[in-house]
């Protein structure tokens, strides 16, 4: 995607690399956009770090940037505005912000005031104390009981499938080290599973409770297609966790069972033919042949996946060296 960047004119260029890059994906849907940016700027100014703010204007970029222009000009921290040509999903906007950032630490801020901005300092403390990715946990929840229930169910299912025990995978506030942001692939709808992917890469993740604020943007109940997409995302994540580097295990088991069942069916039909039973009007013959072909195809897919993994295996990082003594 083509993007353009604009740097705040009243901030002199500096050669020093900021300690923290805060990426804010702003949206024109926020009815209190000015309040949001003011609180984020105030929070970053109070941190004991050299900070920079990366504003990714997603959808209605020109209008949003014009609203924020005066506030960002008056800010005492370096600011960059990334203008996207069209509205994009969360993964693309995060990647656009990461490319424009320079900090050792990365903080991804919610598009609207979902959590107390002052809690960012507590997440950064956890990062300083050894964690490499820190997720936020909105507790106690202040939204409707139905929304809290749906979130709890989704998080429990995610825990069962991945083994990563996080209480609020949907919370938009998260901080991480740059190494994590650069090595964990963020694409499609997998941005919400960023801590799961980080844990899969072997990074140390933790969770910090944050104050949940009354959300000003009413999204309404999700439609059935959204829940179906979430389920498909979980299935994708499950496959990535267990079978990315061992595709034959994923395709091999159902392929072998299907091939065995088809073979047994065809052998049975053949024995019956030798004993004098005719093959006319025998759906078992067609069924067995279909199972054999399907089983061979599944095994072939697994072997093809293994061939691709073997060819590109050197480019895949199975582990991360933390330090060498």
C-alpha atoms as a PDB file:
ATOM      1  CA  UNK A   1       0.000   0.000   0.000  1.00  0.00           C
ATOM      2  CA  UNK A   2       1.272   3.411  -0.867  1.00  0.00           C
ATOM      3  CA  UNK A   3       1.630   5.789   2.074  1.00  0.00           C
ATOM      4  CA  UNK A   4       3.007   9.247   2.560  1.00  0.00           C
ATOM      5  CA  UNK A   5       4.535  10.646   5.714  1.00  0.00           C
ATOM      6  CA  UNK A   6       4.661  14.152   7.031  1.00  0.00           C
ATOM      7  CA  UNK A   7       6.880  15.321   9.844  1.00  0.00           C
ATOM      8  CA  UNK A   8       5.821  17.995  12.302  1.00  0.00           C
ATOM      9  CA  UNK A   9       7.551  21.167  11.039  1.00  0.00           C
ATOM     10  CA  UNK A  10       8.336  22.796  14.389  1.00  0.00           C
ATOM     11  CA  UNK A  11      10.425  19.861  15.667  1.00  0.00           C
ATOM     12  CA  UNK A  12      14.044  20.035  14.672  1.00  0.00           C
ATOM     13  CA  UNK A  13      15.512  16.837  13.260  1.00  0.00           C
ATOM     14  CA  UNK A  14      17.457  14.855  15.806  1.00  0.00           C
ATOM     15  CA  UNK A  15      20.005  12.110  15.400  1.00  0.00           C
ATOM     16  CA  UNK A  16      19.166  10.497  18.742  1.00  0.00           C
ATOM     17  CA  UNK A  17      16.985   7.411  18.517  1.00  0.00           C
ATOM     18  CA  UNK A  18      13.868   7.618  20.714  1.00  0.00           C
ATOM     19  CA  UNK A  19      13.474   5.086  23.487  1.00  0.00           C
ATOM     20  CA  UNK A  20       9.728   4.714  22.853  1.00  0.00           C
ATOM     21  CA  UNK A  21       7.704   4.929  19.653  1.00  0.00           C
ATOM     22  CA  UNK A  22       3.962   5.181  20.312  1.00  0.00           C
ATOM     23  CA  UNK A  23       1.811   4.170  17.349  1.00  0.00           C
ATOM     24  CA  UNK A  24      -1.707   5.565  17.383  1.00  0.00           C
ATOM     25  CA  UNK A  25      -4.125   4.403  14.696  1.00  0.00           C
ATOM     26  CA  UNK A  26      -6.617   7.243  14.785  1.00  0.00           C
ATOM     27  CA  UNK A  27     -10.042   7.209  13.200  1.00  0.00           C
ATOM     28  CA  UNK A  28     -12.602   9.835  12.272  1.00  0.00           C
ATOM     29  CA  UNK A  29     -15.236   7.769  14.100  1.00  0.00           C
ATOM     30  CA  UNK A  30     -14.019   8.999  17.490  1.00  0.00           C
ATOM     31  CA  UNK A  31     -16.405  11.793  18.569  1.00  0.00           C
ATOM     32  CA  UNK A  32     -13.761  13.179  20.948  1.00  0.00           C
ATOM     33  CA  UNK A  33     -10.732  12.926  18.712  1.00  0.00           C
ATOM     34  CA  UNK A  34      -9.150  16.096  20.077  1.00  0.00           C
ATOM     35  CA  UNK A  35      -9.424  14.883  23.677  1.00  0.00           C
ATOM     36  CA  UNK A  36      -7.893  11.557  22.733  1.00  0.00           C
ATOM     37  CA  UNK A  37      -4.804  13.035  21.102  1.00  0.00           C
ATOM     38  CA  UNK A  38      -4.339  15.578  23.897  1.00  0.00           C
ATOM     39  CA  UNK A  39      -4.347  12.852  26.552  1.00  0.00           C
ATOM     40  CA  UNK A  40      -1.956  10.701  24.556  1.00  0.00           C
ATOM     41  CA  UNK A  41       0.442  13.626  24.060  1.00  0.00           C
ATOM     42  CA  UNK A  42       0.235  14.511  27.773  1.00  0.00           C
ATOM     43  CA  UNK A  43       0.917  10.903  28.750  1.00  0.00           C
ATOM     44  CA  UNK A  44       3.950  10.598  26.466  1.00  0.00           C
ATOM     45  CA  UNK A  45       5.338  13.928  27.709  1.00  0.00           C
ATOM     46  CA  UNK A  46       5.209  12.666  31.301  1.00  0.00           C
ATOM     47  CA  UNK A  47       7.214   9.497  30.622  1.00  0.00           C
ATOM     48  CA  UNK A  48      10.924   9.451  31.571  1.00  0.00           C
ATOM     49  CA  UNK A  49      11.834   8.486  28.016  1.00  0.00           C
ATOM     50  CA  UNK A  50      12.713  10.184  24.779  1.00  0.00           C
ATOM     51  CA  UNK A  51       9.441   9.453  22.965  1.00  0.00           C
ATOM     52  CA  UNK A  52       7.999   9.912  19.502  1.00  0.00           C
ATOM     53  CA  UNK A  53       4.368   9.681  18.363  1.00  0.00           C
ATOM     54  CA  UNK A  54       3.459   7.994  15.091  1.00  0.00           C
ATOM     55  CA  UNK A  55      -0.092   8.916  14.027  1.00  0.00           C
ATOM     56  CA  UNK A  56      -1.561   6.584  11.396  1.00  0.00           C
ATOM     57  CA  UNK A  57      -4.622   8.281   9.907  1.00  0.00           C
ATOM     58  CA  UNK A  58      -6.769   5.395   8.700  1.00  0.00           C
ATOM     59  CA  UNK A  59      -9.661   6.415   6.452  1.00  0.00           C
ATOM     60  CA  UNK A  60     -10.607  10.080   5.949  1.00  0.00           C
ATOM     61  CA  UNK A  61      -6.899  10.773   6.405  1.00  0.00           C
ATOM     62  CA  UNK A  62      -6.817  14.353   5.157  1.00  0.00           C
ATOM     63  CA  UNK A  63      -9.734  15.446   7.325  1.00  0.00           C
ATOM     64  CA  UNK A  64      -8.400  13.704  10.429  1.00  0.00           C
ATOM     65  CA  UNK A  65      -4.887  15.111   9.959  1.00  0.00           C
ATOM     66  CA  UNK A  66      -6.294  18.628   9.587  1.00  0.00           C
ATOM     67  CA  UNK A  67      -8.104  18.308  12.925  1.00  0.00           C
ATOM     68  CA  UNK A  68      -4.957  17.147  14.700  1.00  0.00           C
ATOM     69  CA  UNK A  69      -2.553  19.545  13.024  1.00  0.00           C
ATOM     70  CA  UNK A  70      -2.567  22.364  15.606  1.00  0.00           C
ATOM     71  CA  UNK A  71      -2.387  20.027  18.607  1.00  0.00           C
ATOM     72  CA  UNK A  72       0.513  18.085  17.139  1.00  0.00           C
ATOM     73  CA  UNK A  73       2.355  21.288  16.192  1.00  0.00           C
ATOM     74  CA  UNK A  74       2.191  22.413  19.825  1.00  0.00           C
ATOM     75  CA  UNK A  75       3.342  19.044  21.180  1.00  0.00           C
ATOM     76  CA  UNK A  76       6.808  18.862  22.723  1.00  0.00           C
ATOM     77  CA  UNK A  77       7.498  15.397  21.354  1.00  0.00           C
ATOM     78  CA  UNK A  78       8.514  14.509  17.778  1.00  0.00           C
ATOM     79  CA  UNK A  79       5.476  13.483  15.770  1.00  0.00           C
ATOM     80  CA  UNK A  80       4.974  11.876  12.393  1.00  0.00           C
ATOM     81  CA  UNK A  81       1.675  11.551  10.560  1.00  0.00           C
ATOM     82  CA  UNK A  82       1.280   8.580   8.237  1.00  0.00           C
ATOM     83  CA  UNK A  83      -1.506   9.134   5.730  1.00  0.00           C
ATOM     84  CA  UNK A  84      -3.024   6.014   4.190  1.00  0.00           C
ATOM     85  CA  UNK A  85      -4.604   6.402   0.773  1.00  0.00           C
ATOM     86  CA  UNK A  86      -7.614   4.311   1.785  1.00  0.00           C
ATOM     87  CA  UNK A  87      -9.087   2.651   4.855  1.00  0.00           C
ATOM     88  CA  UNK A  88      -7.116  -0.473   5.776  1.00  0.00           C
ATOM     89  CA  UNK A  89      -7.319  -3.295   8.306  1.00  0.00           C
ATOM     90  CA  UNK A  90      -5.502  -3.252  11.626  1.00  0.00           C
ATOM     91  CA  UNK A  91      -2.534  -5.304  10.456  1.00  0.00           C
ATOM     92  CA  UNK A  92      -1.724  -2.966   7.555  1.00  0.00           C
ATOM     93  CA  UNK A  93      -2.039   0.134   9.708  1.00  0.00           C
ATOM     94  CA  UNK A  94       0.227  -1.313  12.414  1.00  0.00           C
ATOM     95  CA  UNK A  95       2.835  -2.262   9.807  1.00  0.00           C
ATOM     96  CA  UNK A  96       2.676   1.246   8.341  1.00  0.00           C
ATOM     97  CA  UNK A  97       3.294   2.714  11.797  1.00  0.00           C
ATOM     98  CA  UNK A  98       6.157   0.306  12.495  1.00  0.00           C
ATOM     99  CA  UNK A  99       7.936   1.297   9.272  1.00  0.00           C
ATOM    100  CA  UNK A 100       7.792   4.954  10.318  1.00  0.00           C
ATOM    101  CA  UNK A 101       8.942   4.311  13.920  1.00  0.00           C
ATOM    102  CA  UNK A 102      12.501   4.272  15.292  1.00  0.00           C
ATOM    103  CA  UNK A 103      12.156   3.508  19.015  1.00  0.00           C
ATOM    104  CA  UNK A 104      13.621   0.607  20.979  1.00  0.00           C
ATOM    105  CA  UNK A 105      10.222   0.112  22.619  1.00  0.00           C
ATOM    106  CA  UNK A 106       6.952   0.056  20.661  1.00  0.00           C
ATOM    107  CA  UNK A 107       3.584   0.996  22.202  1.00  0.00           C
ATOM    108  CA  UNK A 108       0.411   0.459  20.198  1.00  0.00           C
ATOM    109  CA  UNK A 109      -2.287   2.796  21.510  1.00  0.00           C
ATOM    110  CA  UNK A 110      -6.041   2.185  21.123  1.00  0.00           C
ATOM    111  CA  UNK A 111      -7.703   4.264  18.414  1.00  0.00           C
ATOM    112  CA  UNK A 112      -9.962   5.792  21.076  1.00  0.00           C
ATOM    113  CA  UNK A 113      -9.719   6.035  24.869  1.00  0.00           C
ATOM    114  CA  UNK A 114     -10.464   2.427  25.661  1.00  0.00           C
ATOM    115  CA  UNK A 115      -8.103   2.296  28.644  1.00  0.00           C
ATOM    116  CA  UNK A 116      -6.518   4.891  30.920  1.00  0.00           C
ATOM    117  CA  UNK A 117      -3.500   6.318  29.026  1.00  0.00           C
ATOM    118  CA  UNK A 118      -1.557   6.663  32.296  1.00  0.00           C
ATOM    119  CA  UNK A 119      -1.464   2.866  32.561  1.00  0.00           C
ATOM    120  CA  UNK A 120       1.055   2.798  29.716  1.00  0.00           C
ATOM    121  CA  UNK A 121       3.795   3.545  32.248  1.00  0.00           C
ATOM    122  CA  UNK A 122       2.890   0.382  34.181  1.00  0.00           C
ATOM    123  CA  UNK A 123       3.170  -1.733  31.033  1.00  0.00           C
ATOM    124  CA  UNK A 124       6.548  -0.162  30.302  1.00  0.00           C
ATOM    125  CA  UNK A 125       7.726  -1.034  33.816  1.00  0.00           C
ATOM    126  CA  UNK A 126       6.933  -4.676  33.101  1.00  0.00           C
ATOM    127  CA  UNK A 127       8.884  -4.385  29.861  1.00  0.00           C
ATOM    128  CA  UNK A 128      11.866  -2.968  31.757  1.00  0.00           C
ATOM    129  CA  UNK A 129      11.645  -5.832  34.276  1.00  0.00           C
ATOM    130  CA  UNK A 130      12.285  -8.571  31.735  1.00  0.00           C
ATOM    131  CA  UNK A 131       9.167  -9.019  29.631  1.00  0.00           C
ATOM    132  CA  UNK A 132       9.467  -8.647  25.877  1.00  0.00           C
ATOM    133  CA  UNK A 133       5.759  -8.221  25.151  1.00  0.00           C
ATOM    134  CA  UNK A 134       3.224  -6.832  27.626  1.00  0.00           C
ATOM    135  CA  UNK A 135      -0.514  -7.109  26.998  1.00  0.00           C
ATOM    136  CA  UNK A 136      -3.201  -5.108  28.789  1.00  0.00           C
ATOM    137  CA  UNK A 137      -6.122  -6.623  30.671  1.00  0.00           C
ATOM    138  CA  UNK A 138      -9.165  -4.375  30.999  1.00  0.00           C
ATOM    139  CA  UNK A 139     -10.356  -5.064  34.529  1.00  0.00           C
ATOM    140  CA  UNK A 140     -12.919  -4.513  35.815  1.00  0.00           C
ATOM    141  CA  UNK A 141     -14.991  -4.281  32.642  1.00  0.00           C
ATOM    142  CA  UNK A 142     -17.404  -1.368  32.419  1.00  0.00           C
ATOM    143  CA  UNK A 143     -19.225  -2.373  29.248  1.00  0.00           C
ATOM    144  CA  UNK A 144     -22.372  -4.497  29.081  1.00  0.00           C
ATOM    145  CA  UNK A 145     -22.484  -7.939  30.682  1.00  0.00           C
ATOM    146  CA  UNK A 146     -23.256  -9.471  27.287  1.00  0.00           C
ATOM    147  CA  UNK A 147     -20.113  -7.944  25.741  1.00  0.00           C
ATOM    148  CA  UNK A 148     -18.017  -9.067  28.712  1.00  0.00           C
ATOM    149  CA  UNK A 149     -19.462 -12.591  28.449  1.00  0.00           C
ATOM    150  CA  UNK A 150     -18.658 -12.856  24.728  1.00  0.00           C
ATOM    151  CA  UNK A 151     -15.135 -11.617  25.363  1.00  0.00           C
ATOM    152  CA  UNK A 152     -14.639 -14.150  28.169  1.00  0.00           C
ATOM    153  CA  UNK A 153     -15.815 -17.045  25.998  1.00  0.00           C
ATOM    154  CA  UNK A 154     -13.554 -15.987  23.134  1.00  0.00           C
ATOM    155  CA  UNK A 155     -10.542 -15.684  25.450  1.00  0.00           C
ATOM    156  CA  UNK A 156     -11.212 -19.073  27.042  1.00  0.00           C
ATOM    157  CA  UNK A 157     -11.391 -20.754  23.626  1.00  0.00           C
ATOM    158  CA  UNK A 158      -8.160 -19.044  22.614  1.00  0.00           C
ATOM    159  CA  UNK A 159      -6.461 -20.233  25.805  1.00  0.00           C
ATOM    160  CA  UNK A 160      -7.566 -23.829  25.197  1.00  0.00           C
ATOM    161  CA  UNK A 161      -6.368 -23.859  21.583  1.00  0.00           C
ATOM    162  CA  UNK A 162      -3.047 -22.074  22.108  1.00  0.00           C
ATOM    163  CA  UNK A 163      -2.074 -22.757  25.723  1.00  0.00           C
ATOM    164  CA  UNK A 164      -1.227 -19.046  26.182  1.00  0.00           C
ATOM    165  CA  UNK A 165      -3.097 -17.784  29.232  1.00  0.00           C
ATOM    166  CA  UNK A 166      -4.205 -14.215  28.523  1.00  0.00           C
ATOM    167  CA  UNK A 167      -7.447 -12.765  29.868  1.00  0.00           C
ATOM    168  CA  UNK A 168      -8.086 -10.024  27.298  1.00  0.00           C
ATOM    169  CA  UNK A 169      -6.775 -10.801  23.837  1.00  0.00           C
ATOM    170  CA  UNK A 170      -9.010  -8.078  22.349  1.00  0.00           C
ATOM    171  CA  UNK A 171      -7.507  -5.176  24.307  1.00  0.00           C
ATOM    172  CA  UNK A 172      -5.841  -2.746  21.885  1.00  0.00           C
ATOM    173  CA  UNK A 173      -3.174  -1.397  24.269  1.00  0.00           C
ATOM    174  CA  UNK A 174       0.108  -3.323  24.084  1.00  0.00           C
ATOM    175  CA  UNK A 175       3.811  -2.596  24.380  1.00  0.00           C
ATOM    176  CA  UNK A 176       6.748  -4.623  23.100  1.00  0.00           C
ATOM    177  CA  UNK A 177      10.388  -4.472  22.192  1.00  0.00           C
ATOM    178  CA  UNK A 178      11.267  -3.611  18.613  1.00  0.00           C
ATOM    179  CA  UNK A 179      12.718  -7.071  18.032  1.00  0.00           C
ATOM    180  CA  UNK A 180       9.315  -8.591  18.701  1.00  0.00           C
ATOM    181  CA  UNK A 181       7.526  -6.186  16.369  1.00  0.00           C
ATOM    182  CA  UNK A 182       9.994  -6.844  13.556  1.00  0.00           C
ATOM    183  CA  UNK A 183      10.150 -10.644  13.815  1.00  0.00           C
ATOM    184  CA  UNK A 184       6.495 -11.548  14.427  1.00  0.00           C
ATOM    185  CA  UNK A 185       4.505 -11.561  11.159  1.00  0.00           C
ATOM    186  CA  UNK A 186       1.445  -9.305  11.273  1.00  0.00           C
ATOM    187  CA  UNK A 187      -0.961  -9.788   8.391  1.00  0.00           C
ATOM    188  CA  UNK A 188      -4.636 -10.337   7.657  1.00  0.00           C
ATOM    189  CA  UNK A 189      -6.799 -10.470  10.785  1.00  0.00           C
ATOM    190  CA  UNK A 190      -4.044 -11.861  13.014  1.00  0.00           C
ATOM    191  CA  UNK A 191      -3.163  -8.531  14.628  1.00  0.00           C
ATOM    192  CA  UNK A 192      -5.330  -9.346  17.645  1.00  0.00           C
ATOM    193  CA  UNK A 193      -3.306 -12.544  18.143  1.00  0.00           C
ATOM    194  CA  UNK A 194       0.013 -10.704  18.279  1.00  0.00           C
ATOM    195  CA  UNK A 195       0.832 -11.908  21.839  1.00  0.00           C
ATOM    196  CA  UNK A 196       0.083 -15.517  20.830  1.00  0.00           C
ATOM    197  CA  UNK A 197       2.408 -15.243  17.836  1.00  0.00           C
ATOM    198  CA  UNK A 198       5.074 -13.638  20.046  1.00  0.00           C
ATOM    199  CA  UNK A 199       4.800 -16.491  22.539  1.00  0.00           C
ATOM    200  CA  UNK A 200       5.086 -18.963  19.650  1.00  0.00           C
ATOM    201  CA  UNK A 201       8.399 -17.307  18.703  1.00  0.00           C
ATOM    202  CA  UNK A 202       9.650 -17.863  22.261  1.00  0.00           C
ATOM    203  CA  UNK A 203       9.389 -14.297  23.562  1.00  0.00           C
ATOM    204  CA  UNK A 204       8.548 -13.615  27.203  1.00  0.00           C
ATOM    205  CA  UNK A 205       5.040 -12.191  27.426  1.00  0.00           C
ATOM    206  CA  UNK A 206       3.143 -10.842  30.420  1.00  0.00           C
ATOM    207  CA  UNK A 207      -0.168  -9.167  31.214  1.00  0.00           C
ATOM    208  CA  UNK A 208      -0.944  -6.039  33.254  1.00  0.00           C
ATOM    209  CA  UNK A 209      -4.357  -4.935  34.479  1.00  0.00           C
ATOM    210  CA  UNK A 210      -5.506  -1.561  33.164  1.00  0.00           C
ATOM    211  CA  UNK A 211      -8.448   0.645  33.988  1.00  0.00           C
ATOM    212  CA  UNK A 212     -11.239   0.119  31.481  1.00  0.00           C
ATOM    213  CA  UNK A 213     -12.930   3.348  30.383  1.00  0.00           C
ATOM    214  CA  UNK A 214     -16.459   3.722  29.091  1.00  0.00           C
ATOM    215  CA  UNK A 215     -16.069   3.257  25.360  1.00  0.00           C
ATOM    216  CA  UNK A 216     -17.436   6.138  23.325  1.00  0.00           C
ATOM    217  CA  UNK A 217     -17.714   4.272  20.039  1.00  0.00           C
ATOM    218  CA  UNK A 218     -20.736   1.970  19.922  1.00  0.00           C
ATOM    219  CA  UNK A 219     -20.058  -0.908  17.596  1.00  0.00           C
ATOM    220  CA  UNK A 220     -23.252  -2.819  18.273  1.00  0.00           C
ATOM    221  CA  UNK A 221     -23.554  -6.602  18.277  1.00  0.00           C
ATOM    222  CA  UNK A 222     -21.356  -8.364  15.774  1.00  0.00           C
ATOM    223  CA  UNK A 223     -23.080 -10.099  12.898  1.00  0.00           C
ATOM    224  CA  UNK A 224     -22.844 -13.832  12.293  1.00  0.00           C
ATOM    225  CA  UNK A 225     -20.160 -13.373   9.626  1.00  0.00           C
ATOM    226  CA  UNK A 226     -17.878 -11.654  12.158  1.00  0.00           C
ATOM    227  CA  UNK A 227     -18.106 -14.622  14.526  1.00  0.00           C
ATOM    228  CA  UNK A 228     -17.434 -16.995  11.626  1.00  0.00           C
ATOM    229  CA  UNK A 229     -14.345 -14.947  10.727  1.00  0.00           C
ATOM    230  CA  UNK A 230     -13.161 -15.097  14.343  1.00  0.00           C
ATOM    231  CA  UNK A 231     -13.523 -18.899  14.340  1.00  0.00           C
ATOM    232  CA  UNK A 232     -11.594 -19.120  11.068  1.00  0.00           C
ATOM    233  CA  UNK A 233      -8.893 -16.886  12.567  1.00  0.00           C
ATOM    234  CA  UNK A 234      -8.600 -19.264  15.526  1.00  0.00           C
ATOM    235  CA  UNK A 235      -8.304 -22.246  13.175  1.00  0.00           C
ATOM    236  CA  UNK A 236      -5.595 -20.390  11.247  1.00  0.00           C
ATOM    237  CA  UNK A 237      -3.771 -19.642  14.489  1.00  0.00           C
ATOM    238  CA  UNK A 238      -4.083 -23.293  15.597  1.00  0.00           C
ATOM    239  CA  UNK A 239      -2.551 -24.436  12.306  1.00  0.00           C
ATOM    240  CA  UNK A 240       0.257 -21.863  12.554  1.00  0.00           C
ATOM    241  CA  UNK A 241       1.091 -22.928  16.112  1.00  0.00           C
ATOM    242  CA  UNK A 242       1.294 -26.674  15.559  1.00  0.00           C
ATOM    243  CA  UNK A 243       1.775 -27.463  11.891  1.00  0.00           C
ATOM    244  CA  UNK A 244       3.592 -24.568  10.201  1.00  0.00           C
ATOM    245  CA  UNK A 245       6.885 -26.461  10.181  1.00  0.00           C
ATOM    246  CA  UNK A 246       5.348 -29.955  10.096  1.00  0.00           C
ATOM    247  CA  UNK A 247       2.593 -29.880   7.442  1.00  0.00           C
ATOM    248  CA  UNK A 248       2.727 -33.643   6.852  1.00  0.00           C
ATOM    249  CA  UNK A 249       1.448 -34.199  10.388  1.00  0.00           C
ATOM    250  CA  UNK A 250      -1.603 -32.061   9.600  1.00  0.00           C
ATOM    251  CA  UNK A 251      -2.419 -33.650   6.242  1.00  0.00           C
ATOM    252  CA  UNK A 252      -0.871 -37.047   6.922  1.00  0.00           C
ATOM    253  CA  UNK A 253      -3.256 -38.300   9.601  1.00  0.00           C
ATOM    254  CA  UNK A 254      -6.562 -37.668   7.777  1.00  0.00           C
ATOM    255  CA  UNK A 255      -4.907 -38.672   4.490  1.00  0.00           C
ATOM    256  CA  UNK A 256      -3.696 -41.980   5.913  1.00  0.00           C
ATOM    257  CA  UNK A 257      -7.039 -42.779   7.527  1.00  0.00           C
ATOM    258  CA  UNK A 258      -8.916 -41.934   4.328  1.00  0.00           C
ATOM    259  CA  UNK A 259      -6.529 -44.002   2.212  1.00  0.00           C
ATOM    260  CA  UNK A 260      -6.790 -46.983   4.589  1.00  0.00           C
ATOM    261  CA  UNK A 261     -10.586 -46.826   4.652  1.00  0.00           C
ATOM    262  CA  UNK A 262     -10.744 -46.624   0.862  1.00  0.00           C
ATOM    263  CA  UNK A 263      -8.284 -49.489   0.477  1.00  0.00           C
ATOM    264  CA  UNK A 264     -10.245 -51.708   2.886  1.00  0.00           C
ATOM    265  CA  UNK A 265     -13.449 -50.905   0.996  1.00  0.00           C
ATOM    266  CA  UNK A 266     -11.925 -51.792  -2.381  1.00  0.00           C
ATOM    267  CA  UNK A 267     -10.345 -54.995  -1.033  1.00  0.00           C
ATOM    268  CA  UNK A 268     -13.712 -56.047   0.415  1.00  0.00           C
ATOM    269  CA  UNK A 269     -15.468 -55.375  -2.897  1.00  0.00           C
ATOM    270  CA  UNK A 270     -12.745 -57.311  -4.760  1.00  0.00           C
ATOM    271  CA  UNK A 271     -13.099 -60.333  -2.461  1.00  0.00           C
ATOM    272  CA  UNK A 272     -16.863 -60.286  -2.913  1.00  0.00           C
ATOM    273  CA  UNK A 273     -16.339 -60.158  -6.695  1.00  0.00           C
ATOM    274  CA  UNK A 274     -14.070 -63.207  -6.555  1.00  0.00           C
ATOM    275  CA  UNK A 275     -16.756 -65.022  -4.538  1.00  0.00           C
ATOM    276  CA  UNK A 276     -19.310 -64.404  -7.273  1.00  0.00           C
ATOM    277  CA  UNK A 277     -20.970 -61.162  -6.245  1.00  0.00           C
ATOM    278  CA  UNK A 278     -21.423 -58.801  -9.187  1.00  0.00           C
ATOM    279  CA  UNK A 279     -20.118 -55.245  -9.247  1.00  0.00           C
ATOM    280  CA  UNK A 280     -23.241 -53.767 -10.796  1.00  0.00           C
ATOM    281  CA  UNK A 281     -25.078 -51.277  -8.591  1.00  0.00           C
ATOM    282  CA  UNK A 282     -22.293 -51.339  -5.987  1.00  0.00           C
ATOM    283  CA  UNK A 283     -21.846 -47.787  -4.624  1.00  0.00           C
ATOM    284  CA  UNK A 284     -19.151 -49.158  -2.302  1.00  0.00           C
ATOM    285  CA  UNK A 285     -16.843 -49.485  -5.316  1.00  0.00           C
ATOM    286  CA  UNK A 286     -17.196 -45.803  -6.211  1.00  0.00           C
ATOM    287  CA  UNK A 287     -17.007 -44.781  -2.549  1.00  0.00           C
ATOM    288  CA  UNK A 288     -13.790 -46.743  -2.012  1.00  0.00           C
ATOM    289  CA  UNK A 289     -12.191 -45.304  -5.138  1.00  0.00           C
ATOM    290  CA  UNK A 290     -13.053 -41.753  -4.062  1.00  0.00           C
ATOM    291  CA  UNK A 291     -11.551 -42.346  -0.610  1.00  0.00           C
ATOM    292  CA  UNK A 292      -8.316 -43.709  -2.093  1.00  0.00           C
ATOM    293  CA  UNK A 293      -7.949 -40.727  -4.433  1.00  0.00           C
ATOM    294  CA  UNK A 294      -8.743 -38.273  -1.609  1.00  0.00           C
ATOM    295  CA  UNK A 295      -6.251 -39.939   0.728  1.00  0.00           C
ATOM    296  CA  UNK A 296      -3.495 -39.774  -1.903  1.00  0.00           C
ATOM    297  CA  UNK A 297      -4.250 -36.089  -2.494  1.00  0.00           C
ATOM    298  CA  UNK A 298      -4.053 -35.250   1.210  1.00  0.00           C
ATOM    299  CA  UNK A 299      -0.755 -37.087   1.588  1.00  0.00           C
ATOM    300  CA  UNK A 300       0.557 -35.323  -1.516  1.00  0.00           C
ATOM    301  CA  UNK A 301      -0.356 -31.942  -0.014  1.00  0.00           C
ATOM    302  CA  UNK A 302       1.542 -32.817   3.165  1.00  0.00           C
ATOM    303  CA  UNK A 303       4.599 -33.974   1.219  1.00  0.00           C
ATOM    304  CA  UNK A 304       4.469 -30.839  -0.954  1.00  0.00           C
ATOM    305  CA  UNK A 305       4.333 -28.725   2.211  1.00  0.00           C
ATOM    306  CA  UNK A 306       7.341 -30.592   3.614  1.00  0.00           C
ATOM    307  CA  UNK A 307       9.215 -29.932   0.364  1.00  0.00           C
ATOM    308  CA  UNK A 308       8.479 -26.189   0.636  1.00  0.00           C
ATOM    309  CA  UNK A 309       9.548 -26.122   4.300  1.00  0.00           C
ATOM    310  CA  UNK A 310      12.765 -27.983   3.436  1.00  0.00           C
ATOM    311  CA  UNK A 311      13.533 -25.547   0.607  1.00  0.00           C
ATOM    312  CA  UNK A 312      12.927 -22.395   2.667  1.00  0.00           C
ATOM    313  CA  UNK A 313      13.800 -23.807   6.092  1.00  0.00           C
ATOM    314  CA  UNK A 314      16.988 -21.785   6.431  1.00  0.00           C
ATOM    315  CA  UNK A 315      15.005 -18.552   6.248  1.00  0.00           C
ATOM    316  CA  UNK A 316      12.643 -19.578   9.070  1.00  0.00           C
ATOM    317  CA  UNK A 317      13.580 -18.733  12.641  1.00  0.00           C
ATOM    318  CA  UNK A 318      12.798 -21.625  14.972  1.00  0.00           C
ATOM    319  CA  UNK A 319      14.413 -19.997  17.995  1.00  0.00           C
ATOM    320  CA  UNK A 320      15.802 -16.663  19.099  1.00  0.00           C
ATOM    321  CA  UNK A 321      19.204 -16.313  20.701  1.00  0.00           C
ATOM    322  CA  UNK A 322      18.710 -14.070  23.726  1.00  0.00           C
ATOM    323  CA  UNK A 323      22.384 -13.636  24.550  1.00  0.00           C
ATOM    324  CA  UNK A 324      25.761 -15.321  24.146  1.00  0.00           C
ATOM    325  CA  UNK A 325      27.980 -15.556  27.222  1.00  0.00           C
END
